[in-house]
N, C-alpha and C. Protein backbone atom coordinates (compact mmCIF):
# COMPACT_ATOMS: atom_id res chain seq x y z
N MET A 1 -7.77 -111.04 -168.92
CA MET A 1 -8.17 -109.69 -168.57
C MET A 1 -9.31 -109.75 -167.56
N LYS A 2 -9.39 -108.71 -166.75
CA LYS A 2 -10.50 -108.61 -165.79
C LYS A 2 -11.54 -107.65 -166.32
N GLY A 3 -12.77 -107.84 -165.85
CA GLY A 3 -13.85 -106.96 -166.26
C GLY A 3 -15.06 -107.13 -165.36
N LYS A 4 -16.14 -106.46 -165.74
CA LYS A 4 -17.38 -106.50 -164.97
C LYS A 4 -18.54 -106.65 -165.94
N VAL A 5 -19.48 -107.52 -165.61
CA VAL A 5 -20.64 -107.75 -166.46
C VAL A 5 -21.52 -106.51 -166.44
N LYS A 6 -21.74 -105.90 -167.62
CA LYS A 6 -22.65 -104.75 -167.72
C LYS A 6 -24.08 -105.25 -167.66
N PHE A 7 -24.36 -106.28 -168.46
CA PHE A 7 -25.65 -106.98 -168.37
C PHE A 7 -25.51 -108.32 -169.06
N PHE A 8 -26.35 -109.27 -168.64
CA PHE A 8 -26.39 -110.57 -169.29
C PHE A 8 -27.84 -111.01 -169.34
N ASN A 9 -28.33 -111.33 -170.54
CA ASN A 9 -29.71 -111.74 -170.75
C ASN A 9 -29.74 -113.26 -170.88
N ASP A 10 -30.19 -113.95 -169.83
CA ASP A 10 -30.26 -115.41 -169.85
C ASP A 10 -31.15 -115.93 -170.96
N ALA A 11 -32.27 -115.26 -171.19
CA ALA A 11 -33.23 -115.72 -172.20
C ALA A 11 -32.62 -115.70 -173.61
N LYS A 12 -31.78 -114.71 -173.87
CA LYS A 12 -31.17 -114.59 -175.20
C LYS A 12 -29.73 -115.10 -175.23
N SER A 13 -29.21 -115.51 -174.09
CA SER A 13 -27.88 -116.13 -173.97
C SER A 13 -26.72 -115.23 -174.35
N PHE A 14 -26.85 -113.93 -174.16
CA PHE A 14 -25.73 -113.04 -174.45
C PHE A 14 -25.76 -111.82 -173.54
N GLY A 15 -24.65 -111.09 -173.57
CA GLY A 15 -24.55 -109.86 -172.80
C GLY A 15 -23.27 -109.13 -173.15
N PHE A 16 -22.88 -108.20 -172.28
CA PHE A 16 -21.67 -107.41 -172.51
C PHE A 16 -20.87 -107.28 -171.23
N ILE A 17 -19.56 -107.26 -171.39
CA ILE A 17 -18.63 -107.10 -170.29
C ILE A 17 -17.85 -105.81 -170.52
N ALA A 18 -17.69 -105.01 -169.47
CA ALA A 18 -16.82 -103.83 -169.52
C ALA A 18 -15.44 -104.28 -169.07
N GLY A 19 -14.48 -104.25 -169.99
CA GLY A 19 -13.13 -104.68 -169.68
C GLY A 19 -12.37 -103.63 -168.90
N GLU A 20 -11.31 -104.07 -168.21
CA GLU A 20 -10.49 -103.13 -167.44
C GLU A 20 -9.75 -102.16 -168.35
N ASP A 21 -9.76 -102.42 -169.66
CA ASP A 21 -9.12 -101.52 -170.63
C ASP A 21 -10.07 -100.44 -171.12
N GLY A 22 -11.31 -100.43 -170.56
CA GLY A 22 -12.29 -99.42 -170.94
C GLY A 22 -13.12 -99.77 -172.16
N LYS A 23 -12.88 -100.94 -172.74
CA LYS A 23 -13.62 -101.37 -173.93
C LYS A 23 -14.76 -102.30 -173.53
N GLU A 24 -15.73 -102.43 -174.42
CA GLU A 24 -16.89 -103.28 -174.19
C GLU A 24 -16.77 -104.54 -175.03
N TYR A 25 -17.03 -105.69 -174.40
CA TYR A 25 -16.88 -106.99 -175.05
C TYR A 25 -18.21 -107.74 -175.06
N PHE A 26 -18.58 -108.24 -176.22
CA PHE A 26 -19.75 -109.10 -176.36
C PHE A 26 -19.43 -110.45 -175.74
N VAL A 27 -20.38 -111.03 -175.04
CA VAL A 27 -20.19 -112.38 -174.49
C VAL A 27 -21.43 -113.21 -174.78
N HIS A 28 -21.19 -114.43 -175.27
CA HIS A 28 -22.27 -115.39 -175.53
C HIS A 28 -22.12 -116.54 -174.55
N ARG A 29 -23.23 -117.16 -174.21
CA ARG A 29 -23.21 -118.27 -173.25
C ARG A 29 -22.18 -119.34 -173.63
N SER A 30 -21.96 -119.56 -174.92
CA SER A 30 -21.01 -120.58 -175.37
C SER A 30 -19.57 -120.24 -174.99
N ALA A 31 -19.30 -118.97 -174.62
CA ALA A 31 -17.95 -118.53 -174.26
C ALA A 31 -17.68 -118.64 -172.76
N LEU A 32 -18.69 -119.09 -171.99
CA LEU A 32 -18.53 -119.22 -170.55
C LEU A 32 -17.89 -120.56 -170.21
N LYS A 33 -17.01 -120.55 -169.22
CA LYS A 33 -16.44 -121.81 -168.76
C LYS A 33 -17.54 -122.64 -168.12
N GLU A 34 -17.34 -123.94 -168.09
CA GLU A 34 -18.35 -124.87 -167.58
C GLU A 34 -18.80 -124.49 -166.17
N GLY A 35 -20.11 -124.45 -165.98
CA GLY A 35 -20.69 -124.16 -164.68
C GLY A 35 -20.82 -122.69 -164.34
N VAL A 36 -20.39 -121.79 -165.23
CA VAL A 36 -20.45 -120.35 -164.96
C VAL A 36 -21.81 -119.79 -165.39
N HIS A 37 -22.43 -119.04 -164.50
CA HIS A 37 -23.69 -118.35 -164.78
C HIS A 37 -23.47 -116.88 -164.43
N LEU A 38 -23.64 -116.00 -165.41
CA LEU A 38 -23.38 -114.57 -165.20
C LEU A 38 -24.61 -113.81 -164.73
N ARG A 39 -24.34 -112.83 -163.87
CA ARG A 39 -25.36 -111.87 -163.43
C ARG A 39 -24.78 -110.48 -163.60
N ASP A 40 -25.65 -109.51 -163.73
CA ASP A 40 -25.20 -108.12 -163.84
C ASP A 40 -24.26 -107.77 -162.69
N ASP A 41 -23.20 -107.04 -163.00
CA ASP A 41 -22.21 -106.55 -162.05
C ASP A 41 -21.25 -107.61 -161.51
N ASP A 42 -21.30 -108.86 -162.01
CA ASP A 42 -20.33 -109.87 -161.60
C ASP A 42 -18.93 -109.46 -162.07
N ALA A 43 -17.93 -109.69 -161.23
CA ALA A 43 -16.53 -109.51 -161.62
C ALA A 43 -16.09 -110.78 -162.33
N VAL A 44 -15.45 -110.63 -163.48
CA VAL A 44 -15.07 -111.78 -164.29
C VAL A 44 -13.64 -111.64 -164.81
N THR A 45 -13.10 -112.76 -165.26
CA THR A 45 -11.86 -112.78 -166.03
C THR A 45 -12.21 -113.38 -167.38
N PHE A 46 -11.49 -112.96 -168.43
CA PHE A 46 -11.78 -113.47 -169.77
C PHE A 46 -10.60 -113.21 -170.69
N ASP A 47 -10.64 -113.88 -171.84
CA ASP A 47 -9.66 -113.65 -172.89
C ASP A 47 -10.33 -112.80 -173.97
N PRO A 48 -9.77 -111.65 -174.29
CA PRO A 48 -10.35 -110.80 -175.34
C PRO A 48 -9.98 -111.32 -176.73
N GLU A 49 -10.93 -111.24 -177.66
CA GLU A 49 -10.69 -111.62 -179.05
C GLU A 49 -11.40 -110.64 -179.97
N GLN A 50 -10.89 -110.55 -181.19
CA GLN A 50 -11.57 -109.77 -182.22
C GLN A 50 -12.48 -110.72 -182.98
N GLY A 51 -13.79 -110.48 -182.92
CA GLY A 51 -14.75 -111.30 -183.64
C GLY A 51 -15.14 -110.66 -184.95
N ASP A 52 -16.01 -111.32 -185.69
CA ASP A 52 -16.48 -110.80 -186.97
C ASP A 52 -17.20 -109.47 -186.82
N ARG A 53 -17.88 -109.29 -185.69
CA ARG A 53 -18.68 -108.07 -185.47
C ARG A 53 -18.08 -107.14 -184.43
N GLY A 54 -16.88 -107.42 -183.98
CA GLY A 54 -16.26 -106.56 -182.97
C GLY A 54 -15.59 -107.37 -181.88
N LEU A 55 -15.33 -106.71 -180.77
CA LEU A 55 -14.64 -107.37 -179.66
C LEU A 55 -15.56 -108.35 -178.95
N LYS A 56 -14.98 -109.50 -178.55
CA LYS A 56 -15.76 -110.49 -177.81
C LYS A 56 -14.91 -111.09 -176.71
N ALA A 57 -15.58 -111.60 -175.70
CA ALA A 57 -14.92 -112.25 -174.56
C ALA A 57 -15.09 -113.76 -174.69
N VAL A 58 -14.00 -114.50 -174.46
CA VAL A 58 -14.06 -115.96 -174.46
C VAL A 58 -13.39 -116.47 -173.18
N ASN A 59 -13.62 -117.74 -172.86
CA ASN A 59 -13.08 -118.34 -171.64
C ASN A 59 -13.44 -117.51 -170.41
N VAL A 60 -14.71 -117.13 -170.34
CA VAL A 60 -15.18 -116.25 -169.26
C VAL A 60 -15.40 -117.06 -167.97
N ALA A 61 -14.82 -116.55 -166.88
CA ALA A 61 -14.97 -117.17 -165.56
C ALA A 61 -15.23 -116.08 -164.53
N LEU A 62 -15.86 -116.47 -163.43
CA LEU A 62 -16.05 -115.52 -162.33
C LEU A 62 -14.70 -115.23 -161.70
N ASP A 63 -14.48 -113.99 -161.32
CA ASP A 63 -13.22 -113.57 -160.69
C ASP A 63 -13.37 -113.72 -159.19
N ASN A 64 -12.97 -114.87 -158.69
CA ASN A 64 -13.11 -115.16 -157.26
C ASN A 64 -12.13 -114.38 -156.40
N GLU A 65 -11.13 -113.76 -157.01
CA GLU A 65 -10.15 -112.98 -156.25
C GLU A 65 -10.58 -111.54 -156.07
N SER A 66 -11.69 -111.15 -156.70
CA SER A 66 -12.15 -109.76 -156.61
C SER A 66 -12.62 -109.46 -155.20
N SER A 67 -12.31 -108.26 -154.73
CA SER A 67 -12.73 -107.86 -153.39
C SER A 67 -14.07 -107.15 -153.40
N GLU A 68 -14.66 -106.99 -154.59
CA GLU A 68 -15.94 -106.29 -154.69
C GLU A 68 -17.10 -107.21 -154.44
C-alpha cells in the first residue's frame, strides 16, 4: 500500500503514516526496511497489519516512484 508520513519522531523511534485507504497506521523504526530514514511528508510504501493496539505499517520503504 502507498501512504504519506504524517510525522515521525526519531528520538522516540515511532510515528504515523496516512494510508491511501484513508486510515492511519502506527510505524516503529523496527518496521523500516534497512537504510530507510523517515521524515514528515515522505511518500512511502508499506504492508498494513492489524497489531495488538490497532493498525500498523511493516516493511516500510520510501516510494521512489512518487511524483510528489
